Amino acid sequence: MHFGHAETDSDQYLDGQLLVAMPGMVDDNFARTVVYLCAHSEDGAMGIVINKQATEIEFADLLVQLNIVGEEEAAHLPVEIANIDVLRGGPVEGGRGFVLHTPDFSVDNSTLSMNNGICLTATIDILRAIAGGTGPSRKLFALGYAGWAPGQLENEIQANGWLHCPATATLLFETAPEHKYDMALRSIGADIATLSVQAGHA
């Protein structure tokens, strides 16, 4: 059973899909993670971990640190803005913010639109818009990202490091971070209780 493993053809790339870590993933950065793959080509891959919260900082505090709002203003932000989850997007550039969002918002020359209608913006403009109530209708915010050198992700998939499945707006934006891993597995018919490190080999 293959559970959606990637083919090895060099022309099949997984940008716009979710990577789901296999139970045998030993890298602490990626154990039990779900990664939205923003870019994947012969040059490598880049993605955002969407299910690990950065518990040491609140979104409202981040807006204050970036001088987007003042402390008094932060205390009176609408709940739906103040309570936006801050996620650990990956081990690379952990101080840099990334917003995955719906296509009802874009910044000229800065927003990357993927073919499944999901967008990525990494400029302060989108945080200002969110704080002002004019940002995208659905979004998630992450600090840092995950990166793979050319061929590295393909090798990890071949070695049973990752499963992959389509990304849905429900899983990305409407599911609590702590439930995304199990939901992603269920979406491809996999059960964490029955998966083994060897799953995926014919």
C-alpha atoms as a PDB file:
ATOM      1  CA  MET A   1       0.000   0.000   0.000  1.00  0.00           C
ATOM      2  CA  HIS A   2       1.411   3.371  -0.970  1.00  0.00           C
ATOM      3  CA  PHE A   3      -0.609   5.970   0.956  1.00  0.00           C
ATOM      4  CA  GLY A   4       0.143   8.616  -1.671  1.00  0.00           C
ATOM      5  CA  HIS A   5       3.910   8.424  -1.836  1.00  0.00           C
ATOM      6  CA  ALA A   6       5.439  10.539  -4.568  1.00  0.00           C
ATOM      7  CA  GLU A   7       6.555   8.957  -7.791  1.00  0.00           C
ATOM      8  CA  THR A   8      10.246   9.266  -8.427  1.00  0.00           C
ATOM      9  CA  ASP A   9       9.820  10.956 -11.803  1.00  0.00           C
ATOM     10  CA  SER A  10      11.712  14.214 -11.725  1.00  0.00           C
ATOM     11  CA  ASP A  11       8.777  16.068 -13.314  1.00  0.00           C
ATOM     12  CA  GLN A  12       6.341  15.289 -10.489  1.00  0.00           C
ATOM     13  CA  TYR A  13       6.505  17.939  -7.826  1.00  0.00           C
ATOM     14  CA  LEU A  14       4.362  18.308  -4.750  1.00  0.00           C
ATOM     15  CA  ASP A  15       4.005  22.077  -4.328  1.00  0.00           C
ATOM     16  CA  GLY A  16       0.534  22.896  -3.033  1.00  0.00           C
ATOM     17  CA  GLN A  17       0.250  19.577  -1.202  1.00  0.00           C
ATOM     18  CA  LEU A  18       0.724  18.549   2.400  1.00  0.00           C
ATOM     19  CA  LEU A  19       3.637  16.482   3.653  1.00  0.00           C
ATOM     20  CA  VAL A  20       2.770  14.298   6.647  1.00  0.00           C
ATOM     21  CA  ALA A  21       5.651  12.960   8.723  1.00  0.00           C
ATOM     22  CA  MET A  22       5.798   9.187   9.110  1.00  0.00           C
ATOM     23  CA  PRO A  23       5.899   7.839  12.685  1.00  0.00           C
ATOM     24  CA  GLY A  24       9.546   6.902  12.184  1.00  0.00           C
ATOM     25  CA  MET A  25      10.621  10.522  11.559  1.00  0.00           C
ATOM     26  CA  VAL A  26      13.527  11.003  13.973  1.00  0.00           C
ATOM     27  CA  ASP A  27      14.251  14.687  13.319  1.00  0.00           C
ATOM     28  CA  ASP A  28      12.773  16.593  16.279  1.00  0.00           C
ATOM     29  CA  ASN A  29      11.978  19.516  13.977  1.00  0.00           C
ATOM     30  CA  PHE A  30       9.590  17.346  11.976  1.00  0.00           C
ATOM     31  CA  ALA A  31       8.257  14.571  14.232  1.00  0.00           C
ATOM     32  CA  ARG A  32       4.435  14.415  13.869  1.00  0.00           C
ATOM     33  CA  THR A  33       4.402  17.459  11.613  1.00  0.00           C
ATOM     34  CA  VAL A  34       2.207  18.477   8.715  1.00  0.00           C
ATOM     35  CA  VAL A  35       3.978  20.710   6.201  1.00  0.00           C
ATOM     36  CA  TYR A  36       2.279  22.791   3.517  1.00  0.00           C
ATOM     37  CA  LEU A  37       4.663  22.642   0.553  1.00  0.00           C
ATOM     38  CA  CYS A  38       4.848  26.113  -0.997  1.00  0.00           C
ATOM     39  CA  ALA A  39       7.510  25.363  -3.608  1.00  0.00           C
ATOM     40  CA  HIS A  40       9.014  22.170  -4.989  1.00  0.00           C
ATOM     41  CA  SER A  41      11.219  21.908  -8.055  1.00  0.00           C
ATOM     42  CA  GLU A  42      14.557  20.571  -9.200  1.00  0.00           C
ATOM     43  CA  ASP A  43      16.074  23.415  -7.165  1.00  0.00           C
ATOM     44  CA  GLY A  44      14.725  22.042  -3.882  1.00  0.00           C
ATOM     45  CA  ALA A  45      11.649  22.591  -1.752  1.00  0.00           C
ATOM     46  CA  MET A  46      10.231  25.051   0.778  1.00  0.00           C
ATOM     47  CA  GLY A  47       7.273  24.598   3.093  1.00  0.00           C
ATOM     48  CA  ILE A  48       5.542  25.781   6.249  1.00  0.00           C
ATOM     49  CA  VAL A  49       4.840  23.516   9.230  1.00  0.00           C
ATOM     50  CA  ILE A  50       1.155  24.110   9.993  1.00  0.00           C
ATOM     51  CA  ASN A  51       0.559  22.148  13.206  1.00  0.00           C
ATOM     52  CA  LYS A  52       3.176  23.254  15.760  1.00  0.00           C
ATOM     53  CA  GLN A  53       2.324  26.231  17.945  1.00  0.00           C
ATOM     54  CA  ALA A  54       4.898  28.748  19.167  1.00  0.00           C
ATOM     55  CA  THR A  55       3.546  28.920  22.690  1.00  0.00           C
ATOM     56  CA  GLU A  56       5.963  31.583  23.922  1.00  0.00           C
ATOM     57  CA  ILE A  57       4.439  34.465  21.942  1.00  0.00           C
ATOM     58  CA  GLU A  58       0.948  35.764  21.201  1.00  0.00           C
ATOM     59  CA  PHE A  59      -0.012  37.296  17.871  1.00  0.00           C
ATOM     60  CA  ALA A  60      -0.991  40.580  19.538  1.00  0.00           C
ATOM     61  CA  ASP A  61       2.420  40.802  21.230  1.00  0.00           C
ATOM     62  CA  LEU A  62       4.091  40.196  17.883  1.00  0.00           C
ATOM     63  CA  LEU A  63       2.181  43.106  16.352  1.00  0.00           C
ATOM     64  CA  VAL A  64       3.455  45.317  19.176  1.00  0.00           C
ATOM     65  CA  GLN A  65       7.056  44.139  18.695  1.00  0.00           C
ATOM     66  CA  LEU A  66       6.835  45.000  14.994  1.00  0.00           C
ATOM     67  CA  ASN A  67       5.421  48.455  15.777  1.00  0.00           C
ATOM     68  CA  ILE A  68       2.238  47.642  13.854  1.00  0.00           C
ATOM     69  CA  VAL A  69       0.054  48.486  16.845  1.00  0.00           C
ATOM     70  CA  GLY A  70       0.725  50.107  20.191  1.00  0.00           C
ATOM     71  CA  GLU A  71       0.332  48.273  23.488  1.00  0.00           C
ATOM     72  CA  GLU A  72      -2.948  50.030  24.243  1.00  0.00           C
ATOM     73  CA  GLU A  73      -4.302  49.200  20.796  1.00  0.00           C
ATOM     74  CA  ALA A  74      -3.154  45.582  21.137  1.00  0.00           C
ATOM     75  CA  ALA A  75      -5.173  45.221  24.324  1.00  0.00           C
ATOM     76  CA  HIS A  76      -8.332  46.102  22.401  1.00  0.00           C
ATOM     77  CA  LEU A  77      -7.843  44.095  19.209  1.00  0.00           C
ATOM     78  CA  PRO A  78     -10.852  42.022  18.146  1.00  0.00           C
ATOM     79  CA  VAL A  79     -10.648  38.495  19.559  1.00  0.00           C
ATOM     80  CA  GLU A  80     -10.416  36.918  16.099  1.00  0.00           C
ATOM     81  CA  ILE A  81      -7.217  38.913  15.455  1.00  0.00           C
ATOM     82  CA  ALA A  82      -5.626  38.783  18.899  1.00  0.00           C
ATOM     83  CA  ASN A  83      -6.120  35.001  19.065  1.00  0.00           C
ATOM     84  CA  ILE A  84      -4.550  34.094  15.714  1.00  0.00           C
ATOM     85  CA  ASP A  85      -2.233  31.140  16.313  1.00  0.00           C
ATOM     86  CA  VAL A  86       1.497  31.756  15.992  1.00  0.00           C
ATOM     87  CA  LEU A  87       2.991  28.596  14.514  1.00  0.00           C
ATOM     88  CA  ARG A  88       6.535  27.261  14.322  1.00  0.00           C
ATOM     89  CA  GLY A  89       6.852  27.135  10.564  1.00  0.00           C
ATOM     90  CA  GLY A  90      10.206  25.372  10.493  1.00  0.00           C
ATOM     91  CA  PRO A  91      13.838  25.572  11.568  1.00  0.00           C
ATOM     92  CA  VAL A  92      14.978  28.081   8.922  1.00  0.00           C
ATOM     93  CA  GLU A  93      14.789  31.861   9.586  1.00  0.00           C
ATOM     94  CA  GLY A  94      12.773  31.410  12.761  1.00  0.00           C
ATOM     95  CA  GLY A  95      12.394  35.151  13.232  1.00  0.00           C
ATOM     96  CA  ARG A  96      10.745  35.715   9.858  1.00  0.00           C
ATOM     97  CA  GLY A  97       6.969  35.647   9.519  1.00  0.00           C
ATOM     98  CA  PHE A  98       4.967  33.897   6.806  1.00  0.00           C
ATOM     99  CA  VAL A  99       1.219  34.033   6.208  1.00  0.00           C
ATOM    100  CA  LEU A 100      -0.613  31.315   4.304  1.00  0.00           C
ATOM    101  CA  HIS A 101      -3.976  32.701   3.248  1.00  0.00           C
ATOM    102  CA  THR A 102      -6.954  32.693   0.927  1.00  0.00           C
ATOM    103  CA  PRO A 103      -6.687  34.564  -2.416  1.00  0.00           C
ATOM    104  CA  ASP A 104      -8.941  37.455  -1.353  1.00  0.00           C
ATOM    105  CA  PHE A 105      -5.821  39.440  -0.402  1.00  0.00           C
ATOM    106  CA  SER A 106      -2.525  40.038  -2.180  1.00  0.00           C
ATOM    107  CA  VAL A 107       0.467  42.352  -2.094  1.00  0.00           C
ATOM    108  CA  ASP A 108       1.863  43.330  -5.497  1.00  0.00           C
ATOM    109  CA  ASN A 109       5.129  41.540  -6.266  1.00  0.00           C
ATOM    110  CA  SER A 110       5.127  39.897  -2.831  1.00  0.00           C
ATOM    111  CA  THR A 111       2.286  37.367  -2.735  1.00  0.00           C
ATOM    112  CA  LEU A 112       2.999  33.908  -4.122  1.00  0.00           C
ATOM    113  CA  SER A 113      -0.186  32.325  -5.473  1.00  0.00           C
ATOM    114  CA  MET A 114      -0.219  28.540  -5.713  1.00  0.00           C
ATOM    115  CA  ASN A 115      -2.346  26.584  -8.128  1.00  0.00           C
ATOM    116  CA  ASN A 116      -4.805  25.376  -5.490  1.00  0.00           C
ATOM    117  CA  GLY A 117      -5.918  28.868  -4.498  1.00  0.00           C
ATOM    118  CA  ILE A 118      -3.655  29.128  -1.452  1.00  0.00           C
ATOM    119  CA  CYS A 119      -1.348  32.142  -1.237  1.00  0.00           C
ATOM    120  CA  LEU A 120       1.825  32.926   0.701  1.00  0.00           C
ATOM    121  CA  THR A 121       2.823  36.432   1.731  1.00  0.00           C
ATOM    122  CA  ALA A 122       5.888  37.204   3.850  1.00  0.00           C
ATOM    123  CA  THR A 123       5.883  41.001   4.076  1.00  0.00           C
ATOM    124  CA  ILE A 124       4.845  43.235   6.946  1.00  0.00           C
ATOM    125  CA  ASP A 125       2.080  44.697   4.747  1.00  0.00           C
ATOM    126  CA  ILE A 126      -0.150  41.688   5.303  1.00  0.00           C
ATOM    127  CA  LEU A 127       0.278  41.914   9.090  1.00  0.00           C
ATOM    128  CA  ARG A 128      -0.729  45.571   8.974  1.00  0.00           C
ATOM    129  CA  ALA A 129      -3.784  44.616   6.938  1.00  0.00           C
ATOM    130  CA  ILE A 130      -4.724  41.828   9.348  1.00  0.00           C
ATOM    131  CA  ALA A 131      -4.341  44.170  12.329  1.00  0.00           C
ATOM    132  CA  GLY A 132      -6.545  46.706  10.566  1.00  0.00           C
ATOM    133  CA  GLY A 133      -9.231  44.183   9.734  1.00  0.00           C
ATOM    134  CA  THR A 134      -8.608  44.265   5.965  1.00  0.00           C
ATOM    135  CA  GLY A 135      -6.479  41.136   5.605  1.00  0.00           C
ATOM    136  CA  PRO A 136      -7.468  37.823   4.027  1.00  0.00           C
ATOM    137  CA  SER A 137     -10.616  36.120   5.303  1.00  0.00           C
ATOM    138  CA  ARG A 138      -8.715  32.975   6.273  1.00  0.00           C
ATOM    139  CA  LYS A 139      -5.048  32.781   7.201  1.00  0.00           C
ATOM    140  CA  LEU A 140      -2.430  31.174   9.365  1.00  0.00           C
ATOM    141  CA  PHE A 141       0.751  32.771  10.607  1.00  0.00           C
ATOM    142  CA  ALA A 142       4.076  31.016  11.076  1.00  0.00           C
ATOM    143  CA  LEU A 143       7.578  31.974  12.147  1.00  0.00           C
ATOM    144  CA  GLY A 144      10.264  30.279  10.073  1.00  0.00           C
ATOM    145  CA  TYR A 145      10.039  27.701   7.322  1.00  0.00           C
ATOM    146  CA  ALA A 146      11.329  24.294   6.284  1.00  0.00           C
ATOM    147  CA  GLY A 147      13.748  23.974   3.379  1.00  0.00           C
ATOM    148  CA  TRP A 148      15.198  21.083   1.373  1.00  0.00           C
ATOM    149  CA  ALA A 149      18.200  21.069  -0.940  1.00  0.00           C
ATOM    150  CA  PRO A 150      17.828  19.740  -4.516  1.00  0.00           C
ATOM    151  CA  GLY A 151      16.808  16.077  -4.375  1.00  0.00           C
ATOM    152  CA  GLN A 152      16.702  15.990  -0.568  1.00  0.00           C
ATOM    153  CA  LEU A 153      12.924  15.806  -0.205  1.00  0.00           C
ATOM    154  CA  GLU A 154      12.658  13.135  -2.895  1.00  0.00           C
ATOM    155  CA  ASN A 155      15.236  11.057  -1.008  1.00  0.00           C
ATOM    156  CA  GLU A 156      13.347  11.480   2.287  1.00  0.00           C
ATOM    157  CA  ILE A 157      10.097  10.373   0.646  1.00  0.00           C
ATOM    158  CA  GLN A 158      11.821   7.354  -0.886  1.00  0.00           C
ATOM    159  CA  ALA A 159      13.152   6.482   2.579  1.00  0.00           C
ATOM    160  CA  ASN A 160       9.605   6.533   4.025  1.00  0.00           C
ATOM    161  CA  GLY A 161      10.069   9.834   5.823  1.00  0.00           C
ATOM    162  CA  TRP A 162       6.895  11.426   4.445  1.00  0.00           C
ATOM    163  CA  LEU A 163       3.439  10.735   3.144  1.00  0.00           C
ATOM    164  CA  HIS A 164       1.657  13.363   1.088  1.00  0.00           C
ATOM    165  CA  CYS A 165      -1.929  14.361   0.461  1.00  0.00           C
ATOM    166  CA  PRO A 166      -3.936  17.223  -1.059  1.00  0.00           C
ATOM    167  CA  ALA A 167      -4.253  20.384   1.013  1.00  0.00           C
ATOM    168  CA  THR A 168      -7.749  21.580   1.849  1.00  0.00           C
ATOM    169  CA  ALA A 169      -8.811  24.963   3.176  1.00  0.00           C
ATOM    170  CA  THR A 170     -10.650  23.162   5.984  1.00  0.00           C
ATOM    171  CA  LEU A 171      -7.497  21.449   7.207  1.00  0.00           C
ATOM    172  CA  LEU A 172      -5.311  24.515   6.727  1.00  0.00           C
ATOM    173  CA  PHE A 173      -7.506  27.219   8.197  1.00  0.00           C
ATOM    174  CA  GLU A 174     -10.359  25.667  10.159  1.00  0.00           C
ATOM    175  CA  THR A 175      -8.692  22.815  12.049  1.00  0.00           C
ATOM    176  CA  ALA A 176      -6.938  23.343  15.375  1.00  0.00           C
ATOM    177  CA  PRO A 177      -3.167  22.774  15.093  1.00  0.00           C
ATOM    178  CA  GLU A 178      -3.255  19.815  17.465  1.00  0.00           C
ATOM    179  CA  HIS A 179      -5.771  17.970  15.244  1.00  0.00           C
ATOM    180  CA  LYS A 180      -4.142  18.549  11.858  1.00  0.00           C
ATOM    181  CA  TYR A 181      -1.769  15.578  11.958  1.00  0.00           C
ATOM    182  CA  ASP A 182      -4.479  12.990  12.587  1.00  0.00           C
ATOM    183  CA  MET A 183      -6.847  14.665  10.129  1.00  0.00           C
ATOM    184  CA  ALA A 184      -4.209  14.673   7.389  1.00  0.00           C
ATOM    185  CA  LEU A 185      -3.539  10.971   7.959  1.00  0.00           C
ATOM    186  CA  ARG A 186      -7.248  10.175   7.855  1.00  0.00           C
ATOM    187  CA  SER A 187      -7.618  12.088   4.592  1.00  0.00           C
ATOM    188  CA  ILE A 188      -5.375   9.527   2.894  1.00  0.00           C
ATOM    189  CA  GLY A 189      -6.820   6.515   4.677  1.00  0.00           C
ATOM    190  CA  ALA A 190      -3.888   6.097   7.037  1.00  0.00           C
ATOM    191  CA  ASP A 191      -4.157   5.311  10.730  1.00  0.00           C
ATOM    192  CA  ILE A 192      -1.318   6.250  13.054  1.00  0.00           C
ATOM    193  CA  ALA A 193      -1.975   3.073  15.054  1.00  0.00           C
ATOM    194  CA  THR A 194      -1.338   0.812  12.071  1.00  0.00           C
ATOM    195  CA  LEU A 195       1.333   2.750  10.212  1.00  0.00           C
ATOM    196  CA  SER A 196       4.830   1.378  10.591  1.00  0.00           C
ATOM    197  CA  VAL A 197       8.170   2.804   9.608  1.00  0.00           C
ATOM    198  CA  GLN A 198       8.023   0.443   6.637  1.00  0.00           C
ATOM    199  CA  ALA A 199       4.624   1.605   5.361  1.00  0.00           C
ATOM    200  CA  GLY A 200       4.656   2.602   1.747  1.00  0.00           C
ATOM    201  CA  HIS A 201       6.865  -0.207   0.434  1.00  0.00           C
ATOM    202  CA  ALA A 202       5.201  -2.499  -2.057  1.00  0.00           C
END
